[in-house]
Amino acid sequence: MTTFTLKSRKFGEQEFTVPMNGGYVRCNGKQICHGGGFMGSTVSCKPENLETVSRKWWAAFLKNEREFSPSI
């Protein structure tokens, strides 16, 4: 299992994982989906792309959070 940890001031550490041979990406144990959510088309990648995919998904997640919760 390949892991990448992203640190967020508001949300704390977020651990992204993907199997060694590639596959679905998980954030803190939950499968992530395109557009920054947890429902929809599941995100998959190879271990060497995990950091890039994780950062892109996290940016989309934060954008969604700001749209629905103006306090962020």
C-alpha atoms as a PDB file:
ATOM      1  CA  MET A   1       0.000   0.000   0.000  1.00  0.00           C
ATOM      2  CA  THR A   2       1.354   3.407  -0.986  1.00  0.00           C
ATOM      3  CA  THR A   3       0.418   6.353   1.222  1.00  0.00           C
ATOM      4  CA  PHE A   4       0.574  10.127   0.968  1.00  0.00           C
ATOM      5  CA  THR A   5      -0.275  12.392   3.907  1.00  0.00           C
ATOM      6  CA  LEU A   6      -1.598  15.869   3.310  1.00  0.00           C
ATOM      7  CA  LYS A   7      -1.702  18.283   6.252  1.00  0.00           C
ATOM      8  CA  SER A   8      -4.619  20.701   6.578  1.00  0.00           C
ATOM      9  CA  ARG A   9      -4.914  23.388   9.243  1.00  0.00           C
ATOM     10  CA  LYS A  10      -8.684  23.034   9.448  1.00  0.00           C
ATOM     11  CA  PHE A  11      -9.130  19.290   8.837  1.00  0.00           C
ATOM     12  CA  GLY A  12      -5.871  17.862  10.219  1.00  0.00           C
ATOM     13  CA  GLU A  13      -3.861  15.134   8.500  1.00  0.00           C
ATOM     14  CA  GLN A  14      -5.490  13.402   5.555  1.00  0.00           C
ATOM     15  CA  GLU A  15      -4.008  10.045   4.586  1.00  0.00           C
ATOM     16  CA  PHE A  16      -4.431   8.992   0.955  1.00  0.00           C
ATOM     17  CA  THR A  17      -3.706   5.380   0.023  1.00  0.00           C
ATOM     18  CA  VAL A  18      -3.589   3.266  -3.136  1.00  0.00           C
ATOM     19  CA  PRO A  19      -2.593  -0.402  -3.588  1.00  0.00           C
ATOM     20  CA  MET A  20       0.980  -1.094  -4.774  1.00  0.00           C
ATOM     21  CA  ASN A  21      -0.238  -2.257  -8.192  1.00  0.00           C
ATOM     22  CA  GLY A  22      -2.581   0.743  -8.613  1.00  0.00           C
ATOM     23  CA  GLY A  23      -6.308   0.966  -8.119  1.00  0.00           C
ATOM     24  CA  TYR A  24      -8.869   2.968  -6.180  1.00  0.00           C
ATOM     25  CA  VAL A  25      -7.662   5.864  -4.055  1.00  0.00           C
ATOM     26  CA  ARG A  26      -8.873   6.208  -0.473  1.00  0.00           C
ATOM     27  CA  CYS A  27      -8.778   9.167   1.896  1.00  0.00           C
ATOM     28  CA  ASN A  28      -8.775   8.101   5.545  1.00  0.00           C
ATOM     29  CA  GLY A  29     -10.183   4.746   4.485  1.00  0.00           C
ATOM     30  CA  LYS A  30     -13.026   6.087   2.295  1.00  0.00           C
ATOM     31  CA  GLN A  31     -12.944   5.820  -1.494  1.00  0.00           C
ATOM     32  CA  ILE A  32     -12.759   9.200  -3.179  1.00  0.00           C
ATOM     33  CA  CYS A  33     -14.641  10.204  -6.318  1.00  0.00           C
ATOM     34  CA  HIS A  34     -14.106  12.746  -9.086  1.00  0.00           C
ATOM     35  CA  GLY A  35     -15.058  16.307  -8.256  1.00  0.00           C
ATOM     36  CA  GLY A  36     -13.965  16.254  -4.624  1.00  0.00           C
ATOM     37  CA  GLY A  37     -16.678  14.007  -3.265  1.00  0.00           C
ATOM     38  CA  PHE A  38     -17.195  10.528  -1.883  1.00  0.00           C
ATOM     39  CA  MET A  39     -20.030   9.535  -4.247  1.00  0.00           C
ATOM     40  CA  GLY A  40     -19.854   9.198  -8.022  1.00  0.00           C
ATOM     41  CA  SER A  41     -17.073   8.040 -10.340  1.00  0.00           C
ATOM     42  CA  THR A  42     -14.327   6.536  -8.208  1.00  0.00           C
ATOM     43  CA  VAL A  43     -10.795   7.932  -8.579  1.00  0.00           C
ATOM     44  CA  SER A  44      -8.040   5.457  -9.378  1.00  0.00           C
ATOM     45  CA  CYS A  45      -4.338   5.876 -10.078  1.00  0.00           C
ATOM     46  CA  LYS A  46      -0.921   4.258  -9.968  1.00  0.00           C
ATOM     47  CA  PRO A  47       1.294   4.700  -6.885  1.00  0.00           C
ATOM     48  CA  GLU A  48       3.635   7.121  -8.667  1.00  0.00           C
ATOM     49  CA  ASN A  49       0.700   9.502  -9.327  1.00  0.00           C
ATOM     50  CA  LEU A  50      -0.817   9.376  -5.842  1.00  0.00           C
ATOM     51  CA  GLU A  51       0.485  12.765  -4.658  1.00  0.00           C
ATOM     52  CA  THR A  52      -0.742  14.608  -7.755  1.00  0.00           C
ATOM     53  CA  VAL A  53      -4.153  12.918  -7.709  1.00  0.00           C
ATOM     54  CA  SER A  54      -4.542  13.483  -3.968  1.00  0.00           C
ATOM     55  CA  ARG A  55      -3.712  17.190  -4.148  1.00  0.00           C
ATOM     56  CA  LYS A  56      -6.084  17.719  -7.082  1.00  0.00           C
ATOM     57  CA  TRP A  57      -8.916  15.890  -5.305  1.00  0.00           C
ATOM     58  CA  TRP A  58      -8.270  17.787  -2.048  1.00  0.00           C
ATOM     59  CA  ALA A  59      -8.487  21.138  -3.874  1.00  0.00           C
ATOM     60  CA  ALA A  60     -11.839  20.089  -5.382  1.00  0.00           C
ATOM     61  CA  PHE A  61     -13.030  18.887  -1.957  1.00  0.00           C
ATOM     62  CA  LEU A  62     -12.181  22.246  -0.357  1.00  0.00           C
ATOM     63  CA  LYS A  63     -13.909  24.102  -3.209  1.00  0.00           C
ATOM     64  CA  ASN A  64     -17.066  22.048  -2.601  1.00  0.00           C
ATOM     65  CA  GLU A  65     -16.853  22.702   1.136  1.00  0.00           C
ATOM     66  CA  ARG A  66     -16.609  26.472   0.559  1.00  0.00           C
ATOM     67  CA  GLU A  67     -19.647  26.427  -1.731  1.00  0.00           C
ATOM     68  CA  PHE A  68     -21.823  24.682   0.851  1.00  0.00           C
ATOM     69  CA  SER A  69     -20.278  26.126   4.005  1.00  0.00           C
ATOM     70  CA  PRO A  70     -19.245  29.793   3.691  1.00  0.00           C
ATOM     71  CA  SER A  71     -17.333  29.705   7.000  1.00  0.00           C
ATOM     72  CA  ILE A  72     -14.324  27.963   5.376  1.00  0.00           C
END
